[in-house]
Amino acid sequence: MADPNNRYSFWTKYKRFATTEILLYVIMIVGIILGIIIFS
């Protein structure tokens, strides 16, 4: 019971950090795709 509660509290605590990290990954992927289109 303690382990899932720990994970849930960790997720709620770092939810904003996780969402910003996902946004950074999306921006990186879009940048790579745009770079491939420009250089090709």
N, C-alpha and C. Protein backbone atom coordinates (compact mmCIF):
# COMPACT_ATOMS: atom_id res chain seq x y z
N MET A 1 0.83 -1.21 0.00
CA MET A 1 0.00 0.00 0.00
C MET A 1 0.86 1.26 0.00
N ALA A 2 2.04 1.19 0.62
CA ALA A 2 2.87 2.40 0.73
C ALA A 2 3.52 2.74 -0.62
N ASP A 3 3.88 1.72 -1.42
CA ASP A 3 4.59 1.98 -2.68
C ASP A 3 3.72 2.74 -3.69
N PRO A 4 2.47 2.32 -3.96
CA PRO A 4 1.64 3.09 -4.88
C PRO A 4 1.35 4.50 -4.37
N ASN A 5 1.19 4.65 -3.08
CA ASN A 5 0.96 5.99 -2.52
C ASN A 5 2.19 6.87 -2.76
N ASN A 6 3.37 6.30 -2.62
CA ASN A 6 4.59 7.05 -2.88
C ASN A 6 4.65 7.50 -4.34
N ARG A 7 4.34 6.60 -5.25
CA ARG A 7 4.37 6.94 -6.67
C ARG A 7 3.35 8.02 -6.98
N TYR A 8 2.15 7.91 -6.38
CA TYR A 8 1.10 8.90 -6.65
C TYR A 8 1.51 10.28 -6.15
N SER A 9 2.08 10.34 -4.93
CA SER A 9 2.51 11.63 -4.39
C SER A 9 3.66 12.20 -5.21
N PHE A 10 4.57 11.32 -5.67
CA PHE A 10 5.68 11.77 -6.50
C PHE A 10 5.16 12.36 -7.81
N TRP A 11 4.16 11.69 -8.43
CA TRP A 11 3.61 12.18 -9.70
C TRP A 11 2.91 13.52 -9.50
N THR A 12 2.13 13.65 -8.44
CA THR A 12 1.42 14.90 -8.21
C THR A 12 2.40 16.02 -7.85
N LYS A 13 3.51 15.66 -7.18
CA LYS A 13 4.48 16.67 -6.77
C LYS A 13 5.26 17.20 -7.98
N TYR A 14 5.62 16.31 -8.91
CA TYR A 14 6.43 16.71 -10.05
C TYR A 14 5.62 16.67 -11.35
N LYS A 15 4.31 16.94 -11.24
CA LYS A 15 3.46 16.90 -12.44
C LYS A 15 3.85 18.02 -13.40
N ARG A 16 4.09 19.22 -12.88
CA ARG A 16 4.46 20.33 -13.75
C ARG A 16 5.80 20.06 -14.43
N PHE A 17 6.77 19.53 -13.68
CA PHE A 17 8.07 19.22 -14.26
C PHE A 17 7.93 18.18 -15.37
N ALA A 18 7.08 17.17 -15.14
CA ALA A 18 6.87 16.12 -16.14
C ALA A 18 6.25 16.71 -17.40
N THR A 19 5.25 17.58 -17.24
CA THR A 19 4.60 18.16 -18.42
C THR A 19 5.56 19.06 -19.18
N THR A 20 6.40 19.83 -18.47
CA THR A 20 7.36 20.68 -19.17
C THR A 20 8.41 19.83 -19.88
N GLU A 21 8.80 18.69 -19.27
CA GLU A 21 9.76 17.79 -19.91
C GLU A 21 9.17 17.21 -21.19
N ILE A 22 7.89 16.82 -21.14
CA ILE A 22 7.23 16.28 -22.33
C ILE A 22 7.17 17.36 -23.42
N LEU A 23 6.88 18.61 -23.03
CA LEU A 23 6.85 19.71 -24.00
C LEU A 23 8.23 19.92 -24.62
N LEU A 24 9.28 19.82 -23.81
CA LEU A 24 10.64 19.98 -24.35
C LEU A 24 10.95 18.87 -25.35
N TYR A 25 10.54 17.64 -25.04
CA TYR A 25 10.76 16.54 -25.99
C TYR A 25 9.99 16.77 -27.28
N VAL A 26 8.76 17.25 -27.19
CA VAL A 26 7.97 17.53 -28.40
C VAL A 26 8.63 18.62 -29.23
N ILE A 27 9.12 19.67 -28.56
CA ILE A 27 9.80 20.75 -29.29
C ILE A 27 11.06 20.23 -29.97
N MET A 28 11.81 19.36 -29.28
CA MET A 28 13.01 18.78 -29.88
C MET A 28 12.66 17.96 -31.11
N ILE A 29 11.62 17.13 -31.02
CA ILE A 29 11.22 16.29 -32.15
C ILE A 29 10.78 17.16 -33.32
N VAL A 30 10.00 18.20 -33.06
CA VAL A 30 9.55 19.10 -34.13
C VAL A 30 10.75 19.79 -34.77
N GLY A 31 11.72 20.23 -33.94
CA GLY A 31 12.92 20.86 -34.47
C GLY A 31 13.72 19.93 -35.37
N ILE A 32 13.85 18.66 -34.95
CA ILE A 32 14.58 17.68 -35.76
C ILE A 32 13.86 17.46 -37.09
N ILE A 33 12.54 17.34 -37.06
CA ILE A 33 11.77 17.12 -38.28
C ILE A 33 11.92 18.33 -39.22
N LEU A 34 11.83 19.53 -38.66
CA LEU A 34 11.98 20.74 -39.48
C LEU A 34 13.39 20.80 -40.05
N GLY A 35 14.41 20.43 -39.27
CA GLY A 35 15.78 20.41 -39.77
C GLY A 35 15.96 19.44 -40.92
N ILE A 36 15.35 18.26 -40.82
CA ILE A 36 15.43 17.27 -41.90
C ILE A 36 14.76 17.82 -43.15
N ILE A 37 13.63 18.46 -42.99
CA ILE A 37 12.91 19.01 -44.16
C ILE A 37 13.74 20.13 -44.80
N ILE A 38 14.35 20.98 -43.98
CA ILE A 38 15.13 22.12 -44.52
C ILE A 38 16.38 21.60 -45.23
N PHE A 39 17.10 20.65 -44.61
CA PHE A 39 18.36 20.18 -45.19
C PHE A 39 18.15 19.19 -46.33
N SER A 40 16.95 18.65 -46.46
CA SER A 40 16.67 17.72 -47.56
C SER A 40 15.95 18.47 -48.68
